[in-house]
């Protein structure tokens, strides 16, 4: 299997300058895209010769890396003190999820690499779909972090690492937005496990524009002037900081979170029950569809037998296959209606008539219609 590596960086808080675009473009001859807001480099052989984290720190606000041997990493860069460090650290797991101070920035790294990944998904440009998670974390919505914790816990269980205690369950796990759904798909997070976790998740409370406007009217003039000055100075994340202040002033400091801690094994057991329930529903649906198909076949049974013979008379492989498939359905119908003796009698008659067709007889044997 050939190697494949994909790196993508995005600039959110400010675009790159012309000089920075040139610098980034010079990092690799494999650069596919270099603009004021995005850089993409792919490899089918060789490696990126620079530390992708340093590239993130110097130029960008988000980075995604994937390799076809199982590596999957997502990183966000935040201006210092933008996120609640104490709250974020409760979701961190060694070697999987970390928040570190890097000079003027905080860097969140989510590494959910695993050797045995499922189906490959298209990743080109996927970071744009994950960018809203960065703003949500800034605003105190930690659903992405909790989902990452669920996956990290699962990976650690497979590696024999001791269970981690459950952090606070953020509100809104039952109503995931597009970015969170993409995150789940990308990192192959078990939806049954998320459903089990959501049992302790309260509805997500939204703050209306009217409430924010009312809070803005109550914001002291000194603070208003300070925010306006920060806007004039082109400071990153001023809008986010103002929104957080207004949400707090409106009495909604951050989304509610459940403090009831459950063991990872209890979550796994609940997820297993949900999976079994879904399988039972799916099996029941398949059985209903099968019975409906048999009932429809019963209405045309007497015209189907002659059609089987007409197919056989064509003495060709494809009509033989179609005839045998119809006989299998007629057998299922006979079993459903408990008319197997009549079916077997008609098959015996059919076999005696066409016993000289070895290709047909072999198909009937493979289908279990004759011995």
Protein backbone atom coordinates (compact mmCIF):
# COMPACT_ATOMS: atom_id res chain seq x y z
CA UNK A 1 0.00 0.00 0.00
CA UNK A 2 1.40 3.37 -0.98
CA UNK A 3 1.92 6.01 1.66
CA UNK A 4 -0.25 9.11 1.88
CA UNK A 5 0.12 12.12 4.18
CA UNK A 6 -2.04 15.22 4.20
CA UNK A 7 -1.34 18.46 6.06
CA UNK A 8 -3.71 21.42 6.11
CA UNK A 9 -3.42 24.74 7.93
CA UNK A 10 -5.93 27.59 8.14
CA UNK A 11 -5.61 31.21 9.22
CA UNK A 12 -8.77 32.48 10.94
CA UNK A 13 -7.95 35.50 13.09
CA UNK A 14 -5.97 37.31 10.39
CA UNK A 15 -4.81 36.59 6.81
CA UNK A 16 -1.15 35.97 6.04
CA UNK A 17 0.90 38.78 4.58
CA UNK A 18 2.48 38.47 1.13
CA UNK A 19 5.83 37.79 2.78
CA UNK A 20 4.32 35.07 4.98
CA UNK A 21 2.64 33.46 1.95
CA UNK A 22 6.04 33.29 0.25
CA UNK A 23 7.62 31.83 3.41
CA UNK A 24 4.98 29.12 3.71
CA UNK A 25 5.17 28.32 -0.01
CA UNK A 26 8.90 27.76 0.38
CA UNK A 27 8.50 25.15 3.12
CA UNK A 28 7.96 22.32 0.63
CA UNK A 29 7.97 21.70 -3.10
CA UNK A 30 4.89 19.53 -2.53
CA UNK A 31 2.68 22.47 -1.50
CA UNK A 32 -0.66 22.09 -3.29
CA UNK A 33 -2.33 25.26 -1.97
CA UNK A 34 -0.86 28.42 -0.45
CA UNK A 35 -3.15 31.42 0.04
CA UNK A 36 -3.61 34.13 2.65
CA UNK A 37 -5.86 31.79 4.65
CA UNK A 38 -4.89 28.22 3.73
CA UNK A 39 -1.93 25.94 3.09
CA UNK A 40 -2.10 22.31 2.00
CA UNK A 41 0.73 19.86 1.38
CA UNK A 42 0.42 16.20 0.47
CA UNK A 43 2.93 13.38 0.18
CA UNK A 44 2.71 9.98 -1.46
CA UNK A 45 6.37 9.47 -0.62
CA UNK A 46 8.80 11.37 1.61
CA UNK A 47 7.99 13.57 4.61
CA UNK A 48 7.38 17.19 5.52
CA UNK A 49 10.80 18.50 6.60
CA UNK A 50 9.49 21.01 9.16
CA UNK A 51 7.67 20.73 12.46
CA UNK A 52 3.99 21.26 11.53
CA UNK A 53 3.30 22.57 15.04
CA UNK A 54 5.85 25.35 14.57
CA UNK A 55 4.21 26.23 11.26
CA UNK A 56 0.90 26.47 13.09
CA UNK A 57 2.36 28.63 15.85
CA UNK A 58 4.05 31.04 13.47
CA UNK A 59 1.40 31.48 10.80
CA UNK A 60 -1.96 29.77 11.36
CA UNK A 61 -4.83 29.11 13.78
CA UNK A 62 -5.74 25.51 12.93
CA UNK A 63 -4.01 22.42 11.58
CA UNK A 64 -5.15 18.97 10.51
CA UNK A 65 -2.90 16.02 9.69
CA UNK A 66 -3.85 12.56 8.46
CA UNK A 67 -1.84 9.60 7.17
CA UNK A 68 -3.14 6.36 5.74
CA UNK A 69 -1.38 4.32 8.44
CA UNK A 70 -3.78 5.69 11.07
CA UNK A 71 -2.42 9.07 12.20
CA UNK A 72 -5.12 11.70 12.72
CA UNK A 73 -4.40 15.00 14.48
CA UNK A 74 -6.30 18.24 14.91
CA UNK A 75 -4.73 21.35 16.45
CA UNK A 76 -6.10 24.79 17.30
CA UNK A 77 -4.06 27.87 18.20
CA UNK A 78 -5.71 30.43 20.49
CA UNK A 79 -4.46 33.84 21.62
CA UNK A 80 -3.27 33.55 25.22
CA UNK A 81 -6.05 33.49 27.85
CA UNK A 82 -8.74 33.13 25.19
CA UNK A 83 -9.95 29.78 26.51
CA UNK A 84 -10.63 28.67 30.06
CA UNK A 85 -7.51 26.61 30.71
CA UNK A 86 -8.82 25.00 33.90
CA UNK A 87 -12.01 23.82 32.19
CA UNK A 88 -10.26 22.53 29.06
CA UNK A 89 -7.66 20.60 31.05
CA UNK A 90 -10.40 18.43 32.59
CA UNK A 91 -10.90 16.86 29.13
CA UNK A 92 -7.20 16.28 28.51
CA UNK A 93 -5.71 12.77 28.43
CA UNK A 94 -1.99 12.18 28.29
CA UNK A 95 -0.66 11.67 24.72
CA UNK A 96 -4.18 12.16 23.33
CA UNK A 97 -5.57 15.60 24.22
CA UNK A 98 -3.44 18.46 25.52
CA UNK A 99 -3.53 22.22 26.05
CA UNK A 100 -0.17 23.95 26.33
CA UNK A 101 1.05 27.52 26.60
CA UNK A 102 3.36 28.42 23.71
CA UNK A 103 4.53 32.01 24.11
CA UNK A 104 1.63 34.31 23.20
CA UNK A 105 -0.64 31.38 22.38
CA UNK A 106 -2.44 28.40 23.81
CA UNK A 107 -2.32 25.29 21.63
CA UNK A 108 -4.93 22.55 21.82
CA UNK A 109 -3.77 19.27 20.29
CA UNK A 110 -6.10 16.32 19.69
CA UNK A 111 -4.25 13.18 18.59
CA UNK A 112 -6.64 10.27 18.07
CA UNK A 113 -4.36 8.16 15.90
CA UNK A 114 -4.99 4.43 15.71
CA UNK A 115 -3.39 1.67 13.71
CA UNK A 116 -6.63 0.06 12.55
CA UNK A 117 -8.89 2.71 11.04
CA UNK A 118 -12.15 2.04 9.27
CA UNK A 119 -13.16 3.27 5.84
CA UNK A 120 -11.05 6.04 4.36
CA UNK A 121 -12.93 9.32 4.04
CA UNK A 122 -12.21 12.27 1.78
CA UNK A 123 -10.15 14.76 3.86
CA UNK A 124 -9.15 17.42 1.34
CA UNK A 125 -10.45 20.75 2.61
CA UNK A 126 -12.11 19.16 5.63
CA UNK A 127 -10.53 21.62 8.08
CA UNK A 128 -12.96 24.33 6.96
CA UNK A 129 -15.78 22.15 8.29
CA UNK A 130 -14.01 21.77 11.65
CA UNK A 131 -13.13 25.44 12.17
CA UNK A 132 -16.46 26.28 13.92
CA UNK A 133 -15.35 23.97 16.76
CA UNK A 134 -12.57 26.42 17.59
CA UNK A 135 -15.02 29.26 18.20
CA UNK A 136 -17.31 26.95 20.17
CA UNK A 137 -14.43 26.04 22.51
CA UNK A 138 -13.62 29.73 22.94
CA UNK A 139 -17.25 30.37 23.92
CA UNK A 140 -17.17 27.56 26.49
CA UNK A 141 -18.97 24.92 24.42
CA UNK A 142 -16.87 21.82 25.08
CA UNK A 143 -18.83 19.21 23.13
CA UNK A 144 -15.90 18.66 20.73
CA UNK A 145 -13.55 18.14 23.67
CA UNK A 146 -15.93 15.68 25.29
CA UNK A 147 -16.29 13.72 22.04
CA UNK A 148 -12.50 13.64 21.75
CA UNK A 149 -12.32 12.40 25.36
CA UNK A 150 -14.78 9.59 24.54
CA UNK A 151 -12.64 8.44 21.61
CA UNK A 152 -9.39 8.77 23.57
CA UNK A 153 -10.87 6.72 26.39
CA UNK A 154 -11.88 4.03 23.91
CA UNK A 155 -8.40 3.95 22.36
CA UNK A 156 -6.78 3.72 25.78
CA UNK A 157 -9.05 0.82 26.70
CA UNK A 158 -7.82 -1.04 23.62
CA UNK A 159 -4.22 -0.30 24.65
CA UNK A 160 -4.83 -1.55 28.18
CA UNK A 161 -4.48 1.91 29.76
CA UNK A 162 -6.29 2.47 33.05
CA UNK A 163 -9.74 4.09 32.81
CA UNK A 164 -10.01 7.87 33.04
CA UNK A 165 -12.78 9.40 35.16
CA UNK A 166 -15.49 11.14 33.18
CA UNK A 167 -15.24 14.94 32.93
CA UNK A 168 -18.26 17.23 33.01
CA UNK A 169 -20.78 16.33 30.33
CA UNK A 170 -21.47 19.44 28.21
CA UNK A 171 -24.96 20.45 27.24
CA UNK A 172 -26.22 19.80 23.72
CA UNK A 173 -24.85 16.31 23.04
CA UNK A 174 -28.25 15.24 21.71
CA UNK A 175 -28.26 17.97 19.05
CA UNK A 176 -24.89 17.98 17.31
CA UNK A 177 -24.17 20.59 14.65
CA UNK A 178 -22.48 19.94 11.30
CA UNK A 179 -18.96 20.56 12.61
CA UNK A 180 -19.40 18.08 15.46
CA UNK A 181 -20.86 15.47 13.11
CA UNK A 182 -17.85 15.90 10.82
CA UNK A 183 -15.59 15.53 13.86
CA UNK A 184 -17.34 12.29 14.80
CA UNK A 185 -17.04 10.91 11.27
CA UNK A 186 -13.41 11.94 10.89
CA UNK A 187 -12.27 10.35 14.14
CA UNK A 188 -14.70 7.41 13.92
CA UNK A 189 -16.41 8.11 17.24
CA UNK A 190 -19.00 5.48 18.12
CA UNK A 191 -22.49 7.09 17.82
CA UNK A 192 -23.86 4.58 20.34
CA UNK A 193 -21.25 5.75 22.86
CA UNK A 194 -22.24 9.37 22.21
CA UNK A 195 -25.90 8.47 22.68
CA UNK A 196 -25.07 6.82 26.01
CA UNK A 197 -23.11 9.88 27.10
CA UNK A 198 -25.96 12.18 26.04
CA UNK A 199 -28.21 10.65 28.69
CA UNK A 200 -26.62 13.10 31.14
CA UNK A 201 -26.49 16.04 28.74
CA UNK A 202 -28.90 18.94 29.21
CA UNK A 203 -30.35 20.86 26.26
CA UNK A 204 -28.07 23.57 24.93
CA UNK A 205 -29.26 27.03 25.94
CA UNK A 206 -28.90 29.69 23.27
CA UNK A 207 -28.65 33.40 24.02
CA UNK A 208 -30.94 35.49 21.84
CA UNK A 209 -29.79 38.59 19.97
CA UNK A 210 -32.27 40.56 22.06
CA UNK A 211 -30.61 39.36 25.29
CA UNK A 212 -27.17 40.27 23.90
CA UNK A 213 -28.42 43.72 22.86
CA UNK A 214 -29.85 44.27 26.31
CA UNK A 215 -26.55 43.23 27.90
CA UNK A 216 -24.64 45.54 25.56
CA UNK A 217 -26.78 48.45 26.70
CA UNK A 218 -25.75 47.69 30.29
CA UNK A 219 -22.05 47.34 29.53
CA UNK A 220 -20.14 50.14 31.32
CA UNK A 221 -18.86 52.88 29.02
CA UNK A 222 -15.28 52.22 30.07
CA UNK A 223 -15.53 48.60 28.89
CA UNK A 224 -17.20 49.66 25.64
CA UNK A 225 -14.34 52.03 24.91
CA UNK A 226 -11.81 49.33 25.74
CA UNK A 227 -13.41 46.88 23.31
CA UNK A 228 -13.58 49.56 20.59
CA UNK A 229 -9.89 50.34 21.07
CA UNK A 230 -9.05 46.63 20.71
CA UNK A 231 -11.04 46.58 17.46
CA UNK A 232 -9.08 49.58 16.15
CA UNK A 233 -5.86 47.78 17.07
CA UNK A 234 -6.98 44.76 15.00
CA UNK A 235 -6.67 42.49 18.02
CA UNK A 236 -7.64 38.91 17.28
CA UNK A 237 -10.76 37.42 18.84
CA UNK A 238 -12.17 40.75 20.08
CA UNK A 239 -15.64 39.78 18.85
CA UNK A 240 -15.45 36.48 20.70
CA UNK A 241 -14.28 38.19 23.88
CA UNK A 242 -17.11 40.73 23.67
CA UNK A 243 -19.67 38.01 23.12
CA UNK A 244 -18.39 36.04 26.13
CA UNK A 245 -18.64 39.18 28.26
CA UNK A 246 -22.18 39.90 27.10
CA UNK A 247 -23.30 36.30 27.60
CA UNK A 248 -21.98 36.46 31.15
CA UNK A 249 -23.69 39.81 31.70
CA UNK A 250 -26.94 38.32 30.37
CA UNK A 251 -26.74 35.58 32.99
CA UNK A 252 -25.58 32.76 30.70
CA UNK A 253 -21.91 32.52 31.53
CA UNK A 254 -21.40 29.21 29.74
CA UNK A 255 -23.45 26.19 28.64
CA UNK A 256 -24.55 24.03 31.52
CA UNK A 257 -22.63 20.81 32.17
CA UNK A 258 -23.58 17.73 34.09
CA UNK A 259 -21.30 16.98 37.00
CA UNK A 260 -22.54 13.40 37.49
CA UNK A 261 -19.48 11.30 36.72
CA UNK A 262 -19.89 7.81 35.27
CA UNK A 263 -17.27 5.14 34.81
CA UNK A 264 -16.07 4.48 31.26
CA UNK A 265 -17.18 0.86 31.64
CA UNK A 266 -20.73 2.03 32.45
CA UNK A 267 -20.70 4.20 29.33
CA UNK A 268 -19.47 1.26 27.26
CA UNK A 269 -22.21 -1.00 28.61
CA UNK A 270 -24.87 1.60 27.83
CA UNK A 271 -23.44 2.00 24.32
CA UNK A 272 -23.59 -1.77 23.85
CA UNK A 273 -27.28 -1.78 24.81
CA UNK A 274 -28.04 1.00 22.32
CA UNK A 275 -26.18 -0.89 19.60
CA UNK A 276 -28.13 -4.08 20.33
CA UNK A 277 -31.42 -2.16 20.26
CA UNK A 278 -30.49 -0.65 16.89
CA UNK A 279 -29.57 -4.07 15.52
CA UNK A 280 -32.91 -5.50 16.68
CA UNK A 281 -34.77 -2.63 15.02
CA UNK A 282 -32.79 -3.11 11.82
CA UNK A 283 -33.43 -6.86 11.83
CA UNK A 284 -37.15 -6.27 12.40
CA UNK A 285 -37.18 -3.78 9.51
CA UNK A 286 -35.43 -6.25 7.21
CA UNK A 287 -37.89 -8.98 8.20
CA UNK A 288 -40.87 -6.69 7.51
CA UNK A 289 -39.47 -5.85 4.09
CA UNK A 290 -38.83 -9.53 3.38
CA UNK A 291 -42.39 -10.49 4.29
CA UNK A 292 -43.78 -7.66 2.17
CA UNK A 293 -41.71 -8.87 -0.78
CA UNK A 294 -42.97 -12.44 -0.25
CA UNK A 295 -46.59 -11.28 -0.10
CA UNK A 296 -46.10 -9.43 -3.38
CA UNK A 297 -44.54 -12.54 -4.92
CA UNK A 298 -47.53 -14.63 -3.72
CA UNK A 299 -49.82 -12.48 -5.88
CA UNK A 300 -47.89 -13.42 -9.02
CA UNK A 301 -46.70 -16.91 -8.07
CA UNK A 302 -48.61 -18.74 -10.79
CA UNK A 303 -47.12 -16.52 -13.50
CA UNK A 304 -43.60 -16.80 -12.02
CA UNK A 305 -43.24 -20.57 -12.53
CA UNK A 306 -43.84 -20.37 -16.31
CA UNK A 307 -41.42 -17.44 -16.50
CA UNK A 308 -38.75 -19.58 -14.78
CA UNK A 309 -39.15 -22.18 -17.51
CA UNK A 310 -38.96 -19.59 -20.29
CA UNK A 311 -35.69 -18.34 -18.80
CA UNK A 312 -34.29 -21.87 -18.68
CA UNK A 313 -35.28 -22.46 -22.30
CA UNK A 314 -32.91 -19.65 -23.35
CA UNK A 315 -29.93 -21.94 -22.52
CA UNK A 316 -27.69 -19.05 -21.43
CA UNK A 317 -25.79 -18.21 -18.25
CA UNK A 318 -27.55 -14.95 -17.38
CA UNK A 319 -31.12 -16.33 -17.79
CA UNK A 320 -30.05 -19.40 -15.76
CA UNK A 321 -28.91 -17.11 -12.93
CA UNK A 322 -32.19 -15.18 -13.06
CA UNK A 323 -34.22 -18.40 -13.04
CA UNK A 324 -32.36 -19.79 -10.04
CA UNK A 325 -32.78 -16.47 -8.17
CA UNK A 326 -36.54 -16.64 -8.76
CA UNK A 327 -36.63 -20.25 -7.54
CA UNK A 328 -34.87 -19.25 -4.35
CA UNK A 329 -37.53 -16.58 -3.76
CA UNK A 330 -40.28 -19.12 -4.48
CA UNK A 331 -38.67 -21.44 -1.94
CA UNK A 332 -38.68 -18.66 0.66
CA UNK A 333 -42.34 -18.03 -0.12
CA UNK A 334 -43.14 -21.73 0.32
CA UNK A 335 -41.34 -21.82 3.66
CA UNK A 336 -43.19 -18.68 4.78
CA UNK A 337 -46.59 -20.15 3.79
CA UNK A 338 -45.61 -23.67 4.97
CA UNK A 339 -46.15 -25.13 1.51
CA UNK A 340 -42.74 -26.77 1.11
CA UNK A 341 -44.05 -30.18 -0.15
CA UNK A 342 -45.80 -28.49 -3.08
CA UNK A 343 -42.67 -26.44 -3.89
CA UNK A 344 -40.36 -29.45 -3.71
CA UNK A 345 -42.69 -31.42 -6.01
CA UNK A 346 -42.57 -28.67 -8.64
CA UNK A 347 -38.78 -28.45 -8.40
CA UNK A 348 -38.48 -32.24 -8.87
CA UNK A 349 -40.59 -31.95 -12.02
CA UNK A 350 -38.43 -29.09 -13.25
CA UNK A 351 -35.19 -30.99 -12.57
CA UNK A 352 -36.39 -34.12 -14.35
CA UNK A 353 -37.27 -32.04 -17.40
CA UNK A 354 -33.90 -30.26 -17.60
CA UNK A 355 -31.56 -32.86 -16.11
CA UNK A 356 -29.46 -32.72 -19.24
CA UNK A 357 -28.38 -29.13 -18.54
CA UNK A 358 -25.21 -29.54 -16.38
CA UNK A 359 -24.65 -25.79 -16.05
CA UNK A 360 -28.19 -25.30 -14.77
CA UNK A 361 -27.94 -28.28 -12.42
CA UNK A 362 -24.71 -26.90 -10.92
CA UNK A 363 -26.43 -23.57 -10.24
CA UNK A 364 -29.37 -25.36 -8.59
CA UNK A 365 -26.97 -27.33 -6.37
CA UNK A 366 -25.07 -24.22 -5.33
CA UNK A 367 -28.39 -22.58 -4.38
CA UNK A 368 -29.35 -25.61 -2.29
CA UNK A 369 -32.37 -26.36 -4.49
CA UNK A 370 -31.21 -29.87 -5.38
CA UNK A 371 -28.73 -32.26 -3.84
